[in-house]
Amino acid sequence: MEYLHYEFDATPLEVVEVTLDHAANVQLLDEENFQNYRDHKRFDYHGGYAQTSPFRLKPPYAGRWHLVVDLGGGAGSVRASLQIIPQALASSDSLTPA
């Protein structure tokens, strides 16, 4: 499976803002779940199918995070960009709970 991957540190006081060129799966994973994703094993994630952009997520705890953007095995490609912003600057009306 092809996917876009970003690795970064973030806390619950920050918002992960993902800008997409069209709808895609946006998944925020910790290290263990990212390895399971790569190994095609069961994994847990925060996020979901983003139909609007930007798509915003709040990490549930401080740590090292992996953001994966994919089309769920579908044909095509997607472009995405990532920005970490302080929660105080993010609009809470479009925040996806973790």
Protein backbone atom coordinates (compact mmCIF):
# COMPACT_ATOMS: atom_id res chain seq x y z
CA MET A 1 0.00 0.00 0.00
CA GLU A 2 1.28 3.45 -0.88
CA TYR A 3 0.94 6.21 1.69
CA LEU A 4 2.32 9.55 2.75
CA HIS A 5 4.13 9.55 6.08
CA TYR A 6 5.11 12.33 8.47
CA GLU A 7 6.89 11.84 11.80
CA PHE A 8 6.93 14.51 14.51
CA ASP A 9 6.63 15.32 18.21
CA ALA A 10 3.37 16.86 19.45
CA THR A 11 1.35 17.39 22.63
CA PRO A 12 -2.36 17.79 23.43
CA LEU A 13 -1.71 21.55 23.55
CA GLU A 14 -1.07 21.50 19.79
CA VAL A 15 -3.23 20.80 16.77
CA VAL A 16 -2.10 18.77 13.79
CA GLU A 17 -3.51 20.46 10.70
CA VAL A 18 -3.47 18.46 7.48
CA THR A 19 -4.22 20.10 4.14
CA LEU A 20 -5.29 17.69 1.37
CA ASP A 21 -5.90 18.11 -2.35
CA HIS A 22 -8.85 15.68 -2.08
CA ALA A 23 -10.52 13.24 0.32
CA ALA A 24 -8.28 10.64 1.97
CA ASN A 25 -7.74 8.63 5.14
CA VAL A 26 -5.83 10.67 7.73
CA GLN A 27 -4.48 8.57 10.60
CA LEU A 28 -2.50 9.69 13.64
CA LEU A 29 -0.56 6.77 15.11
CA ASP A 30 1.92 6.19 17.91
CA GLU A 31 5.11 4.20 17.20
CA GLU A 32 3.67 0.76 17.97
CA ASN A 33 0.56 1.28 15.86
CA PHE A 34 2.59 2.71 12.98
CA GLN A 35 4.73 -0.43 12.95
CA ASN A 36 1.55 -2.53 12.93
CA TYR A 37 0.20 -0.41 10.04
CA ARG A 38 3.40 -1.00 8.06
CA ASP A 39 3.31 -4.73 8.84
CA HIS A 40 -0.36 -4.99 7.76
CA LYS A 41 -1.42 -5.94 11.29
CA ARG A 42 -4.32 -4.61 13.35
CA PHE A 43 -3.68 -1.03 14.50
CA ASP A 44 -5.48 1.76 16.34
CA TYR A 45 -5.42 5.36 15.19
CA HIS A 46 -6.94 8.79 15.69
CA GLY A 47 -8.54 10.52 12.74
CA GLY A 48 -10.54 9.05 9.89
CA TYR A 49 -11.73 9.71 6.37
CA ALA A 50 -11.18 13.41 5.71
CA GLN A 51 -13.65 14.81 3.20
CA THR A 52 -12.82 18.44 3.91
CA SER A 53 -9.54 20.28 4.14
CA PRO A 54 -7.91 21.32 6.34
CA PHE A 55 -8.45 18.34 8.63
CA ARG A 56 -7.42 18.92 12.25
CA LEU A 57 -6.46 16.44 14.95
CA LYS A 58 -5.41 16.83 18.56
CA PRO A 59 -2.87 14.31 19.89
CA PRO A 60 -4.26 12.58 23.02
CA TYR A 61 -0.90 12.76 24.83
CA ALA A 62 2.62 14.13 24.36
CA GLY A 63 4.97 12.00 22.35
CA ARG A 64 6.37 10.98 18.99
CA TRP A 65 3.63 10.67 16.36
CA HIS A 66 3.24 9.33 12.85
CA LEU A 67 0.69 10.79 10.48
CA VAL A 68 -0.30 8.55 7.59
CA VAL A 69 -2.37 9.71 4.62
CA ASP A 70 -3.65 7.05 2.24
CA LEU A 71 -6.50 6.19 -0.11
CA GLY A 72 -7.36 2.91 1.62
CA GLY A 73 -5.99 0.83 -1.24
CA GLY A 74 -7.92 2.78 -3.86
CA ALA A 75 -6.40 3.95 -7.12
CA GLY A 76 -4.99 7.44 -7.46
CA SER A 77 -2.74 9.71 -5.49
CA VAL A 78 -3.10 12.40 -2.89
CA ARG A 79 -1.02 15.40 -1.91
CA ALA A 80 -0.90 16.59 1.66
CA SER A 81 0.90 19.08 3.85
CA LEU A 82 1.20 19.13 7.62
CA GLN A 83 1.41 21.94 10.11
CA ILE A 84 1.65 21.77 13.92
CA ILE A 85 -0.02 24.80 15.52
CA PRO A 86 -0.64 25.80 19.14
CA GLN A 87 -4.19 24.92 20.19
CA ALA A 88 -4.83 28.53 21.21
CA LEU A 89 -4.39 29.62 17.57
CA ALA A 90 -6.55 26.83 16.09
CA SER A 91 -10.26 27.22 15.50
CA SER A 92 -11.96 24.65 17.77
CA ASP A 93 -15.05 24.38 15.56
CA SER A 94 -13.23 22.16 13.06
CA LEU A 95 -11.18 20.08 15.49
CA THR A 96 -11.49 16.29 15.22
CA PRO A 97 -11.33 14.79 18.73
CA ALA A 98 -8.62 12.18 19.26
